[in-house]
């Protein structure tokens, strides 16, 4: 990824949906995140290594919502006319300089407020992908401040300790994956 290559834009057209995932319109990324947010499609990806670790990223300080918070491997939004899975692969390349097969796991709706700056209000598809241990990560610094591989038990302790800032969707998703899909994650 080129140094500081911008891949996310305030005016990118996101897909507005109802609770049943029917498209109801499109609007700019900046507008759908204002106030309490407008329900829109999103995706989250958890990358798990063959050695049993999960890749976490710390969001860039440039992010308007949840800057420098630790989160799952990659997350973003499909744009107008783009399917979720295609968008997920695009974003893996843009943020982490990698790609891998992704398995759809589940979809859920949530709303999370980040002070007066705005909110996420998403119908979010969750994917899990697998990588070999020694894959080079080439982060885009406009999107990712830092990254690290953690064992499943380390992620459990990180969430339980509540000592580092974590994105709310990451905590919700990890908790559900642990409960309902433990075979897809590193052992506890």
Protein backbone atom coordinates (compact mmCIF):
# COMPACT_ATOMS: atom_id res chain seq x y z
CA UNK A 1 0.00 0.00 0.00
CA UNK A 2 1.39 3.39 -0.88
CA UNK A 3 2.32 5.51 2.08
CA UNK A 4 -0.74 7.45 3.25
CA UNK A 5 -2.83 6.37 0.24
CA UNK A 6 -6.34 7.58 0.98
CA UNK A 7 -8.91 4.80 0.42
CA UNK A 8 -11.84 6.14 2.43
CA UNK A 9 -13.76 9.29 1.57
CA UNK A 10 -16.49 11.28 3.31
CA UNK A 11 -18.56 11.39 0.13
CA UNK A 12 -18.39 7.68 -0.76
CA UNK A 13 -21.99 6.49 -1.30
CA UNK A 14 -23.01 3.89 1.27
CA UNK A 15 -26.00 1.55 1.04
CA UNK A 16 -28.95 2.43 3.29
CA UNK A 17 -31.11 -0.54 4.30
CA UNK A 18 -34.10 -1.43 6.41
CA UNK A 19 -33.96 -4.05 9.17
CA UNK A 20 -34.56 -6.83 6.59
CA UNK A 21 -31.59 -5.67 4.47
CA UNK A 22 -33.76 -4.18 1.73
CA UNK A 23 -32.02 -1.27 0.03
CA UNK A 24 -33.87 1.97 0.79
CA UNK A 25 -31.37 4.44 -0.67
CA UNK A 26 -27.80 5.70 -0.65
CA UNK A 27 -26.07 8.52 1.15
CA UNK A 28 -22.58 9.78 1.87
CA UNK A 29 -20.48 8.15 4.54
CA UNK A 30 -20.24 11.38 6.49
CA UNK A 31 -24.03 11.85 6.58
CA UNK A 32 -24.91 8.27 7.60
CA UNK A 33 -22.64 8.56 10.65
CA UNK A 34 -24.01 11.90 11.96
CA UNK A 35 -26.14 12.05 15.09
CA UNK A 36 -27.49 8.60 15.96
CA UNK A 37 -26.60 7.33 12.48
CA UNK A 38 -28.70 5.96 9.62
CA UNK A 39 -28.96 2.18 9.19
CA UNK A 40 -26.53 1.07 6.48
CA UNK A 41 -24.67 -2.06 5.35
CA UNK A 42 -21.27 -2.85 6.81
CA UNK A 43 -18.94 -5.80 7.27
CA UNK A 44 -16.40 -6.98 9.81
CA UNK A 45 -13.61 -9.47 9.20
CA UNK A 46 -11.66 -11.64 11.64
CA UNK A 47 -8.42 -13.05 10.20
CA UNK A 48 -7.21 -16.17 12.02
CA UNK A 49 -3.76 -17.67 11.48
CA UNK A 50 -3.09 -21.36 10.96
CA UNK A 51 -1.14 -21.17 14.23
CA UNK A 52 -4.24 -20.15 16.16
CA UNK A 53 -3.93 -16.38 16.51
CA UNK A 54 -6.30 -13.61 15.47
CA UNK A 55 -5.19 -10.35 13.83
CA UNK A 56 -6.32 -7.15 15.56
CA UNK A 57 -5.82 -3.62 14.31
CA UNK A 58 -5.70 -0.28 16.04
CA UNK A 59 -7.70 2.25 14.06
CA UNK A 60 -5.84 5.27 12.70
CA UNK A 61 -5.86 8.50 14.65
CA UNK A 62 -7.40 10.06 11.50
CA UNK A 63 -10.65 8.12 11.98
CA UNK A 64 -13.49 10.50 12.98
CA UNK A 65 -15.13 7.78 15.12
CA UNK A 66 -13.23 5.51 17.52
CA UNK A 67 -9.71 6.75 16.59
CA UNK A 68 -6.88 4.68 18.11
CA UNK A 69 -9.33 2.06 19.38
CA UNK A 70 -8.41 -1.60 18.94
CA UNK A 71 -10.73 -3.58 16.73
CA UNK A 72 -11.13 -6.73 14.66
CA UNK A 73 -8.86 -7.37 11.67
CA UNK A 74 -10.74 -5.19 9.19
CA UNK A 75 -14.12 -3.49 8.89
CA UNK A 76 -15.80 -1.09 6.51
CA UNK A 77 -18.80 -0.62 4.23
CA UNK A 78 -19.78 -1.77 0.76
CA UNK A 79 -20.33 1.17 -1.56
CA UNK A 80 -23.30 1.79 -3.84
CA UNK A 81 -23.42 -1.03 -6.41
CA UNK A 82 -20.90 -3.21 -4.53
CA UNK A 83 -21.64 -6.60 -2.95
CA UNK A 84 -20.54 -7.20 0.67
CA UNK A 85 -18.04 -9.94 -0.13
CA UNK A 86 -16.39 -7.97 -2.96
CA UNK A 87 -16.15 -4.95 -0.64
CA UNK A 88 -14.61 -7.08 2.11
CA UNK A 89 -11.89 -8.34 -0.23
CA UNK A 90 -11.26 -4.80 -1.52
CA UNK A 91 -10.90 -3.49 2.00
CA UNK A 92 -8.49 -6.25 3.10
CA UNK A 93 -6.20 -5.23 0.24
CA UNK A 94 -6.60 -1.50 0.93
CA UNK A 95 -6.06 -1.64 4.71
CA UNK A 96 -3.75 -4.62 5.23
CA UNK A 97 -2.23 -5.37 1.83
CA UNK A 98 -3.55 -8.95 1.92
CA UNK A 99 -6.41 -11.10 0.74
CA UNK A 100 -7.73 -14.54 1.62
CA UNK A 101 -10.86 -16.63 1.29
CA UNK A 102 -13.61 -15.36 3.57
CA UNK A 103 -16.46 -17.31 5.14
CA UNK A 104 -19.71 -15.51 5.94
CA UNK A 105 -20.71 -16.31 9.53
CA UNK A 106 -23.68 -14.13 10.52
CA UNK A 107 -25.32 -10.70 10.18
CA UNK A 108 -26.52 -8.47 12.99
CA UNK A 109 -27.80 -4.96 13.58
CA UNK A 110 -26.40 -2.57 16.16
CA UNK A 111 -26.17 1.11 17.01
CA UNK A 112 -23.22 2.57 18.93
CA UNK A 113 -22.78 6.23 19.80
CA UNK A 114 -19.36 7.92 19.85
CA UNK A 115 -20.01 11.09 21.83
CA UNK A 116 -21.43 14.04 19.87
CA UNK A 117 -19.26 13.27 16.83
CA UNK A 118 -21.60 10.58 15.54
CA UNK A 119 -22.48 6.91 15.57
CA UNK A 120 -22.43 3.59 13.82
CA UNK A 121 -25.88 2.22 12.98
CA UNK A 122 -25.16 -0.84 10.91
CA UNK A 123 -26.51 -4.06 9.52
CA UNK A 124 -23.15 -5.79 9.69
CA UNK A 125 -22.04 -9.01 7.97
CA UNK A 126 -19.33 -10.87 9.90
CA UNK A 127 -16.68 -12.89 8.04
CA UNK A 128 -13.80 -15.10 9.13
CA UNK A 129 -10.72 -15.70 6.98
CA UNK A 130 -7.63 -17.87 7.47
CA UNK A 131 -3.98 -17.09 6.76
CA UNK A 132 -0.65 -18.80 7.22
CA UNK A 133 1.34 -17.55 10.24
CA UNK A 134 4.10 -15.77 8.38
CA UNK A 135 2.09 -13.50 6.11
CA UNK A 136 3.50 -10.00 5.70
CA UNK A 137 1.06 -7.29 6.72
CA UNK A 138 1.38 -4.05 4.77
CA UNK A 139 -0.87 -1.63 6.63
CA UNK A 140 -2.22 1.58 5.18
CA UNK A 141 -1.36 4.23 7.82
CA UNK A 142 -4.37 6.36 6.91
CA UNK A 143 -6.54 3.46 8.12
CA UNK A 144 -4.44 1.47 10.62
CA UNK A 145 -2.20 2.83 13.40
CA UNK A 146 -0.90 -0.57 14.60
CA UNK A 147 -1.63 -4.28 14.42
CA UNK A 148 -0.91 -7.42 16.41
CA UNK A 149 -1.56 -11.16 16.43
CA UNK A 150 -3.13 -12.48 19.66
CA UNK A 151 -4.07 -15.93 20.85
CA UNK A 152 -7.78 -16.43 21.48
CA UNK A 153 -7.30 -16.45 25.26
CA UNK A 154 -5.39 -13.16 25.00
CA UNK A 155 -8.33 -11.58 23.17
CA UNK A 156 -10.69 -12.91 25.85
CA UNK A 157 -8.50 -11.32 28.56
CA UNK A 158 -8.20 -8.05 26.62
CA UNK A 159 -11.99 -7.75 26.47
CA UNK A 160 -12.50 -8.83 30.08
CA UNK A 161 -9.86 -6.41 31.41
CA UNK A 162 -11.47 -3.40 29.69
CA UNK A 163 -8.11 -1.63 30.06
CA UNK A 164 -7.56 -0.67 26.40
CA UNK A 165 -10.04 1.18 24.19
CA UNK A 166 -11.94 -1.37 22.08
CA UNK A 167 -14.56 -0.70 19.42
CA UNK A 168 -18.05 -1.74 20.53
CA UNK A 169 -18.70 -3.86 17.41
CA UNK A 170 -15.48 -5.81 17.97
CA UNK A 171 -16.55 -6.74 21.52
CA UNK A 172 -20.09 -7.69 20.38
CA UNK A 173 -18.82 -9.76 17.46
CA UNK A 174 -16.07 -11.58 19.37
CA UNK A 175 -18.50 -12.42 22.16
CA UNK A 176 -21.01 -13.92 19.73
CA UNK A 177 -18.35 -15.77 17.73
CA UNK A 178 -16.98 -17.24 20.97
CA UNK A 179 -20.46 -18.31 22.09
CA UNK A 180 -22.02 -19.53 18.81
CA UNK A 181 -19.08 -20.29 16.48
CA UNK A 182 -16.10 -21.26 18.67
CA UNK A 183 -14.79 -23.67 16.00
CA UNK A 184 -13.96 -20.66 13.80
CA UNK A 185 -11.75 -18.95 16.40
CA UNK A 186 -8.47 -19.78 18.12
CA UNK A 187 -8.99 -21.86 21.28
CA UNK A 188 -9.80 -20.09 24.54
